[in-house]
């Protein structure tokens, strides 16, 4: 390695973030930035880090995909019996991080988490590609398995069992919605003097906007 990690440097100079220019609604502001990431043709612009904790407070994190965002919050889908599902059952709070390096932007989100209605999960599940639906049936997510061959065999058995498109949604699979209480928008600036604007939800449901030091 020609450079040490401490020597790696990148100057941020693509934009700025002003209180007078952001939307007073942080969800609208997030949607604006997400559209700009999509329009910039970034790879996986809806990729996000989901951080959870179990009942003892031990933290966990992984990357997955945002599948919906509206005034009620941020939606993702998973196996309810997965590690993240068990953690959310014990501690229904989570944090999300979106990083769009090419735009020198990051968004942090904190909130409470709950399952979405079954009907909404059904609509999303049956709109997925066939192989994704079979994969949801085949995978006992986060469970130890002896070999890849066993997983592939289970997938092929299900593929033969459901030759048409009528693949049932697993009972243990569905969506979660993160209802935000805090959103922080970060825009990289020259000299590490970054812009950080944070929205905090107030008791009456309105949002309070404040600037943080970098």
C-alpha atoms as a PDB file:
ATOM      1  CA  UNK A   1       0.000   0.000   0.000  1.00  0.00           C
ATOM      2  CA  UNK A   2       1.637   3.230  -1.202  1.00  0.00           C
ATOM      3  CA  UNK A   3      -0.392   5.412   1.197  1.00  0.00           C
ATOM      4  CA  UNK A   4      -1.343   4.852   4.782  1.00  0.00           C
ATOM      5  CA  UNK A   5      -5.007   5.218   5.698  1.00  0.00           C
ATOM      6  CA  UNK A   6      -4.142   8.359   7.668  1.00  0.00           C
ATOM      7  CA  UNK A   7      -2.723   9.912   4.489  1.00  0.00           C
ATOM      8  CA  UNK A   8      -5.845   9.392   2.364  1.00  0.00           C
ATOM      9  CA  UNK A   9      -7.449  12.752   1.592  1.00  0.00           C
ATOM     10  CA  UNK A  10     -10.377  14.019  -0.462  1.00  0.00           C
ATOM     11  CA  UNK A  11     -11.488  17.617  -0.746  1.00  0.00           C
ATOM     12  CA  UNK A  12     -15.240  18.233  -0.852  1.00  0.00           C
ATOM     13  CA  UNK A  13     -16.314  21.107  -3.060  1.00  0.00           C
ATOM     14  CA  UNK A  14     -19.438  20.152  -5.002  1.00  0.00           C
ATOM     15  CA  UNK A  15     -22.069  22.061  -3.074  1.00  0.00           C
ATOM     16  CA  UNK A  16     -23.391  23.760   0.021  1.00  0.00           C
ATOM     17  CA  UNK A  17     -26.394  23.391   2.286  1.00  0.00           C
ATOM     18  CA  UNK A  18     -28.321  26.459   3.457  1.00  0.00           C
ATOM     19  CA  UNK A  19     -31.233  26.785   5.860  1.00  0.00           C
ATOM     20  CA  UNK A  20     -32.917  29.151   3.402  1.00  0.00           C
ATOM     21  CA  UNK A  21     -32.794  26.646   0.538  1.00  0.00           C
ATOM     22  CA  UNK A  22     -33.795  23.326   2.136  1.00  0.00           C
ATOM     23  CA  UNK A  23     -37.416  22.229   2.330  1.00  0.00           C
ATOM     24  CA  UNK A  24     -39.071  22.837   5.729  1.00  0.00           C
ATOM     25  CA  UNK A  25     -40.278  19.217   5.553  1.00  0.00           C
ATOM     26  CA  UNK A  26     -37.297  16.847   5.909  1.00  0.00           C
ATOM     27  CA  UNK A  27     -39.092  14.023   4.065  1.00  0.00           C
ATOM     28  CA  UNK A  28     -39.534  16.330   1.084  1.00  0.00           C
ATOM     29  CA  UNK A  29     -35.882  17.321   1.350  1.00  0.00           C
ATOM     30  CA  UNK A  30     -34.834  13.667   1.462  1.00  0.00           C
ATOM     31  CA  UNK A  31     -36.957  12.851  -1.580  1.00  0.00           C
ATOM     32  CA  UNK A  32     -35.321  15.748  -3.434  1.00  0.00           C
ATOM     33  CA  UNK A  33     -31.842  14.428  -2.679  1.00  0.00           C
ATOM     34  CA  UNK A  34     -32.858  10.861  -3.546  1.00  0.00           C
ATOM     35  CA  UNK A  35     -34.202  12.004  -6.940  1.00  0.00           C
ATOM     36  CA  UNK A  36     -30.937  13.828  -7.584  1.00  0.00           C
ATOM     37  CA  UNK A  37     -28.970  10.676  -6.713  1.00  0.00           C
ATOM     38  CA  UNK A  38     -31.168   8.648  -9.091  1.00  0.00           C
ATOM     39  CA  UNK A  39     -30.858  11.247 -11.859  1.00  0.00           C
ATOM     40  CA  UNK A  40     -27.082  11.230 -11.400  1.00  0.00           C
ATOM     41  CA  UNK A  41     -27.255   7.465 -12.153  1.00  0.00           C
ATOM     42  CA  UNK A  42     -25.418   6.533  -8.981  1.00  0.00           C
ATOM     43  CA  UNK A  43     -25.113   2.791  -8.311  1.00  0.00           C
ATOM     44  CA  UNK A  44     -27.855   1.622  -5.918  1.00  0.00           C
ATOM     45  CA  UNK A  45     -28.991   5.133  -4.900  1.00  0.00           C
ATOM     46  CA  UNK A  46     -31.528   3.570  -2.506  1.00  0.00           C
ATOM     47  CA  UNK A  47     -28.880   1.573  -0.622  1.00  0.00           C
ATOM     48  CA  UNK A  48     -28.787   2.373   3.088  1.00  0.00           C
ATOM     49  CA  UNK A  49     -27.157   1.176   6.262  1.00  0.00           C
ATOM     50  CA  UNK A  50     -29.687  -0.055   8.812  1.00  0.00           C
ATOM     51  CA  UNK A  51     -28.461  -0.010  12.417  1.00  0.00           C
ATOM     52  CA  UNK A  52     -30.381  -1.888  15.117  1.00  0.00           C
ATOM     53  CA  UNK A  53     -29.758  -2.940  18.706  1.00  0.00           C
ATOM     54  CA  UNK A  54     -30.949  -5.858  20.788  1.00  0.00           C
ATOM     55  CA  UNK A  55     -32.502  -5.615  24.245  1.00  0.00           C
ATOM     56  CA  UNK A  56     -29.065  -5.241  25.850  1.00  0.00           C
ATOM     57  CA  UNK A  57     -28.115  -2.329  23.602  1.00  0.00           C
ATOM     58  CA  UNK A  58     -25.572  -4.287  21.561  1.00  0.00           C
ATOM     59  CA  UNK A  59     -25.448  -2.652  18.092  1.00  0.00           C
ATOM     60  CA  UNK A  60     -25.699  -4.291  14.665  1.00  0.00           C
ATOM     61  CA  UNK A  61     -25.531  -2.822  11.152  1.00  0.00           C
ATOM     62  CA  UNK A  62     -25.956  -3.975   7.575  1.00  0.00           C
ATOM     63  CA  UNK A  63     -26.708  -2.523   4.141  1.00  0.00           C
ATOM     64  CA  UNK A  64     -30.078  -3.049   2.454  1.00  0.00           C
ATOM     65  CA  UNK A  65     -32.403  -1.242   0.044  1.00  0.00           C
ATOM     66  CA  UNK A  66     -35.069   1.378   0.685  1.00  0.00           C
ATOM     67  CA  UNK A  67     -38.289   0.377  -1.072  1.00  0.00           C
ATOM     68  CA  UNK A  68     -40.623   3.289  -0.266  1.00  0.00           C
ATOM     69  CA  UNK A  69     -40.509   6.712   1.331  1.00  0.00           C
ATOM     70  CA  UNK A  70     -43.521   8.881   2.125  1.00  0.00           C
ATOM     71  CA  UNK A  71     -44.796  11.183   4.839  1.00  0.00           C
ATOM     72  CA  UNK A  72     -45.108   8.204   7.205  1.00  0.00           C
ATOM     73  CA  UNK A  73     -41.496   7.086   6.903  1.00  0.00           C
ATOM     74  CA  UNK A  74     -39.016   4.745   5.241  1.00  0.00           C
ATOM     75  CA  UNK A  75     -39.943   1.182   4.216  1.00  0.00           C
ATOM     76  CA  UNK A  76     -37.798  -1.911   3.768  1.00  0.00           C
ATOM     77  CA  UNK A  77     -38.599  -5.625   3.532  1.00  0.00           C
ATOM     78  CA  UNK A  78     -37.020  -8.646   5.168  1.00  0.00           C
ATOM     79  CA  UNK A  79     -37.582 -11.958   6.924  1.00  0.00           C
ATOM     80  CA  UNK A  80     -39.140 -11.249  10.328  1.00  0.00           C
ATOM     81  CA  UNK A  81     -37.131 -14.164  11.792  1.00  0.00           C
ATOM     82  CA  UNK A  82     -33.812 -12.761  10.574  1.00  0.00           C
ATOM     83  CA  UNK A  83     -31.305 -11.244  12.981  1.00  0.00           C
ATOM     84  CA  UNK A  84     -32.613  -7.750  12.244  1.00  0.00           C
ATOM     85  CA  UNK A  85     -36.190  -8.929  12.737  1.00  0.00           C
ATOM     86  CA  UNK A  86     -35.402 -10.394  16.152  1.00  0.00           C
ATOM     87  CA  UNK A  87     -33.538  -7.254  17.176  1.00  0.00           C
ATOM     88  CA  UNK A  88     -36.423  -5.011  16.119  1.00  0.00           C
ATOM     89  CA  UNK A  89     -38.845  -7.197  18.094  1.00  0.00           C
ATOM     90  CA  UNK A  90     -36.703  -6.626  21.190  1.00  0.00           C
ATOM     91  CA  UNK A  91     -35.897  -2.957  20.554  1.00  0.00           C
ATOM     92  CA  UNK A  92     -38.137  -1.161  18.009  1.00  0.00           C
ATOM     93  CA  UNK A  93     -35.718   1.699  17.322  1.00  0.00           C
ATOM     94  CA  UNK A  94     -33.339   2.016  14.390  1.00  0.00           C
ATOM     95  CA  UNK A  95     -31.051   4.354  12.492  1.00  0.00           C
ATOM     96  CA  UNK A  96     -30.534   4.636   8.730  1.00  0.00           C
ATOM     97  CA  UNK A  97     -27.623   6.127   6.809  1.00  0.00           C
ATOM     98  CA  UNK A  98     -27.640   7.009   3.099  1.00  0.00           C
ATOM     99  CA  UNK A  99     -24.230   7.826   1.601  1.00  0.00           C
ATOM    100  CA  UNK A 100     -23.990   9.319  -1.895  1.00  0.00           C
ATOM    101  CA  UNK A 101     -20.235   9.780  -2.193  1.00  0.00           C
ATOM    102  CA  UNK A 102     -20.350  11.024  -5.768  1.00  0.00           C
ATOM    103  CA  UNK A 103     -22.533  13.932  -4.618  1.00  0.00           C
ATOM    104  CA  UNK A 104     -20.579  14.380  -1.365  1.00  0.00           C
ATOM    105  CA  UNK A 105     -23.784  13.884   0.613  1.00  0.00           C
ATOM    106  CA  UNK A 106     -24.999  11.830   3.541  1.00  0.00           C
ATOM    107  CA  UNK A 107     -28.327  11.568   5.370  1.00  0.00           C
ATOM    108  CA  UNK A 108     -28.750  10.148   8.868  1.00  0.00           C
ATOM    109  CA  UNK A 109     -32.193   9.119  10.119  1.00  0.00           C
ATOM    110  CA  UNK A 110     -33.335   7.948  13.555  1.00  0.00           C
ATOM    111  CA  UNK A 111     -36.773   6.688  14.458  1.00  0.00           C
ATOM    112  CA  UNK A 112     -39.107   4.035  15.756  1.00  0.00           C
ATOM    113  CA  UNK A 113     -39.898   0.921  13.727  1.00  0.00           C
ATOM    114  CA  UNK A 114     -43.056  -1.119  13.176  1.00  0.00           C
ATOM    115  CA  UNK A 115     -44.339  -3.692  10.714  1.00  0.00           C
ATOM    116  CA  UNK A 116     -46.390  -2.389   7.798  1.00  0.00           C
ATOM    117  CA  UNK A 117     -49.878  -3.825   7.146  1.00  0.00           C
ATOM    118  CA  UNK A 118     -49.969  -7.335   5.695  1.00  0.00           C
ATOM    119  CA  UNK A 119     -51.813  -6.133   2.584  1.00  0.00           C
ATOM    120  CA  UNK A 120     -48.994  -3.698   1.759  1.00  0.00           C
ATOM    121  CA  UNK A 121     -46.397  -6.452   2.098  1.00  0.00           C
ATOM    122  CA  UNK A 122     -48.487  -8.703  -0.163  1.00  0.00           C
ATOM    123  CA  UNK A 123     -48.660  -6.058  -2.887  1.00  0.00           C
ATOM    124  CA  UNK A 124     -44.901  -5.551  -2.837  1.00  0.00           C
ATOM    125  CA  UNK A 125     -44.091  -9.276  -2.641  1.00  0.00           C
ATOM    126  CA  UNK A 126     -46.223 -10.219  -5.643  1.00  0.00           C
ATOM    127  CA  UNK A 127     -44.626  -7.437  -7.683  1.00  0.00           C
ATOM    128  CA  UNK A 128     -41.131  -8.876  -7.168  1.00  0.00           C
ATOM    129  CA  UNK A 129     -39.347 -10.965  -9.827  1.00  0.00           C
ATOM    130  CA  UNK A 130     -40.131 -14.672  -9.680  1.00  0.00           C
ATOM    131  CA  UNK A 131     -36.656 -15.658  -8.468  1.00  0.00           C
ATOM    132  CA  UNK A 132     -36.791 -13.098  -5.658  1.00  0.00           C
ATOM    133  CA  UNK A 133     -40.100 -14.531  -4.446  1.00  0.00           C
ATOM    134  CA  UNK A 134     -38.721 -18.065  -4.554  1.00  0.00           C
ATOM    135  CA  UNK A 135     -35.623 -16.869  -2.723  1.00  0.00           C
ATOM    136  CA  UNK A 136     -37.747 -15.425   0.086  1.00  0.00           C
ATOM    137  CA  UNK A 137     -39.382 -18.842   0.472  1.00  0.00           C
ATOM    138  CA  UNK A 138     -36.124 -20.763   0.231  1.00  0.00           C
ATOM    139  CA  UNK A 139     -34.041 -18.707   2.655  1.00  0.00           C
ATOM    140  CA  UNK A 140     -34.294 -19.114   6.412  1.00  0.00           C
ATOM    141  CA  UNK A 141     -32.475 -15.820   6.713  1.00  0.00           C
ATOM    142  CA  UNK A 142     -29.615 -15.599   9.226  1.00  0.00           C
ATOM    143  CA  UNK A 143     -29.814 -19.327  10.082  1.00  0.00           C
ATOM    144  CA  UNK A 144     -26.690 -21.492   9.828  1.00  0.00           C
ATOM    145  CA  UNK A 145     -26.707 -23.883   6.839  1.00  0.00           C
ATOM    146  CA  UNK A 146     -24.248 -26.701   6.134  1.00  0.00           C
ATOM    147  CA  UNK A 147     -23.581 -25.843   2.484  1.00  0.00           C
ATOM    148  CA  UNK A 148     -24.566 -23.727  -0.496  1.00  0.00           C
ATOM    149  CA  UNK A 149     -25.685 -26.929  -2.224  1.00  0.00           C
ATOM    150  CA  UNK A 150     -28.442 -27.444   0.350  1.00  0.00           C
ATOM    151  CA  UNK A 151     -29.742 -23.925  -0.225  1.00  0.00           C
ATOM    152  CA  UNK A 152     -29.682 -24.364  -4.010  1.00  0.00           C
ATOM    153  CA  UNK A 153     -31.484 -27.697  -3.691  1.00  0.00           C
ATOM    154  CA  UNK A 154     -34.239 -26.106  -1.598  1.00  0.00           C
ATOM    155  CA  UNK A 155     -34.606 -23.326  -4.183  1.00  0.00           C
ATOM    156  CA  UNK A 156     -34.934 -25.825  -7.038  1.00  0.00           C
ATOM    157  CA  UNK A 157     -37.508 -27.857  -5.110  1.00  0.00           C
ATOM    158  CA  UNK A 158     -39.645 -24.743  -4.637  1.00  0.00           C
ATOM    159  CA  UNK A 159     -39.182 -23.799  -8.282  1.00  0.00           C
ATOM    160  CA  UNK A 160     -40.607 -27.186  -9.248  1.00  0.00           C
ATOM    161  CA  UNK A 161     -43.365 -26.966  -6.618  1.00  0.00           C
ATOM    162  CA  UNK A 162     -44.607 -23.622  -8.009  1.00  0.00           C
ATOM    163  CA  UNK A 163     -44.249 -23.893 -11.811  1.00  0.00           C
ATOM    164  CA  UNK A 164     -46.731 -21.083 -12.410  1.00  0.00           C
ATOM    165  CA  UNK A 165     -46.549 -17.554 -11.006  1.00  0.00           C
ATOM    166  CA  UNK A 166     -48.718 -18.267  -7.950  1.00  0.00           C
ATOM    167  CA  UNK A 167     -45.934 -18.182  -5.351  1.00  0.00           C
ATOM    168  CA  UNK A 168     -47.208 -17.552  -1.800  1.00  0.00           C
ATOM    169  CA  UNK A 169     -45.653 -14.924   0.422  1.00  0.00           C
ATOM    170  CA  UNK A 170     -43.975 -16.548   3.451  1.00  0.00           C
ATOM    171  CA  UNK A 171     -45.727 -15.886   6.757  1.00  0.00           C
ATOM    172  CA  UNK A 172     -42.439 -14.735   8.262  1.00  0.00           C
ATOM    173  CA  UNK A 173     -41.698 -12.167   5.539  1.00  0.00           C
ATOM    174  CA  UNK A 174     -42.824  -8.560   5.177  1.00  0.00           C
ATOM    175  CA  UNK A 175     -42.103  -4.882   5.522  1.00  0.00           C
ATOM    176  CA  UNK A 176     -41.050  -2.487   8.256  1.00  0.00           C
ATOM    177  CA  UNK A 177     -41.514   1.265   8.361  1.00  0.00           C
ATOM    178  CA  UNK A 178     -39.041   3.549  10.129  1.00  0.00           C
ATOM    179  CA  UNK A 179     -41.012   6.539  11.425  1.00  0.00           C
ATOM    180  CA  UNK A 180     -38.399   9.281  11.752  1.00  0.00           C
ATOM    181  CA  UNK A 181     -37.888  11.470  14.776  1.00  0.00           C
ATOM    182  CA  UNK A 182     -34.615  12.949  13.484  1.00  0.00           C
ATOM    183  CA  UNK A 183     -33.030  13.532  10.078  1.00  0.00           C
ATOM    184  CA  UNK A 184     -29.591  15.053   9.513  1.00  0.00           C
ATOM    185  CA  UNK A 185     -28.397  16.214   6.081  1.00  0.00           C
ATOM    186  CA  UNK A 186     -24.659  16.441   5.482  1.00  0.00           C
ATOM    187  CA  UNK A 187     -22.976  18.177   2.561  1.00  0.00           C
ATOM    188  CA  UNK A 188     -19.211  17.968   2.232  1.00  0.00           C
ATOM    189  CA  UNK A 189     -17.371  21.317   2.180  1.00  0.00           C
ATOM    190  CA  UNK A 190     -13.806  22.470   1.596  1.00  0.00           C
ATOM    191  CA  UNK A 191     -11.400  22.189   4.530  1.00  0.00           C
ATOM    192  CA  UNK A 192     -13.684  19.774   6.378  1.00  0.00           C
ATOM    193  CA  UNK A 193     -15.998  22.701   7.182  1.00  0.00           C
ATOM    194  CA  UNK A 194     -18.983  20.576   6.247  1.00  0.00           C
ATOM    195  CA  UNK A 195     -22.624  21.684   6.323  1.00  0.00           C
ATOM    196  CA  UNK A 196     -24.849  19.743   8.739  1.00  0.00           C
ATOM    197  CA  UNK A 197     -28.538  20.547   9.062  1.00  0.00           C
ATOM    198  CA  UNK A 198     -30.640  18.558  11.521  1.00  0.00           C
ATOM    199  CA  UNK A 199     -34.426  18.290  11.731  1.00  0.00           C
ATOM    200  CA  UNK A 200     -35.964  17.130  15.018  1.00  0.00           C
ATOM    201  CA  UNK A 201     -39.633  16.231  15.311  1.00  0.00           C
ATOM    202  CA  UNK A 202     -41.411  18.215  18.029  1.00  0.00           C
ATOM    203  CA  UNK A 203     -44.213  16.987  20.290  1.00  0.00           C
ATOM    204  CA  UNK A 204     -46.805  18.675  18.081  1.00  0.00           C
ATOM    205  CA  UNK A 205     -45.474  16.880  14.976  1.00  0.00           C
ATOM    206  CA  UNK A 206     -43.700  19.872  13.481  1.00  0.00           C
ATOM    207  CA  UNK A 207     -40.017  19.834  12.608  1.00  0.00           C
ATOM    208  CA  UNK A 208     -37.317  22.003  14.201  1.00  0.00           C
ATOM    209  CA  UNK A 209     -34.380  22.813  11.920  1.00  0.00           C
ATOM    210  CA  UNK A 210     -30.948  23.564  13.375  1.00  0.00           C
ATOM    211  CA  UNK A 211     -27.358  23.780  12.153  1.00  0.00           C
ATOM    212  CA  UNK A 212     -24.628  21.603  13.677  1.00  0.00           C
ATOM    213  CA  UNK A 213     -20.938  22.344  13.697  1.00  0.00           C
ATOM    214  CA  UNK A 214     -18.953  20.022  11.398  1.00  0.00           C
END
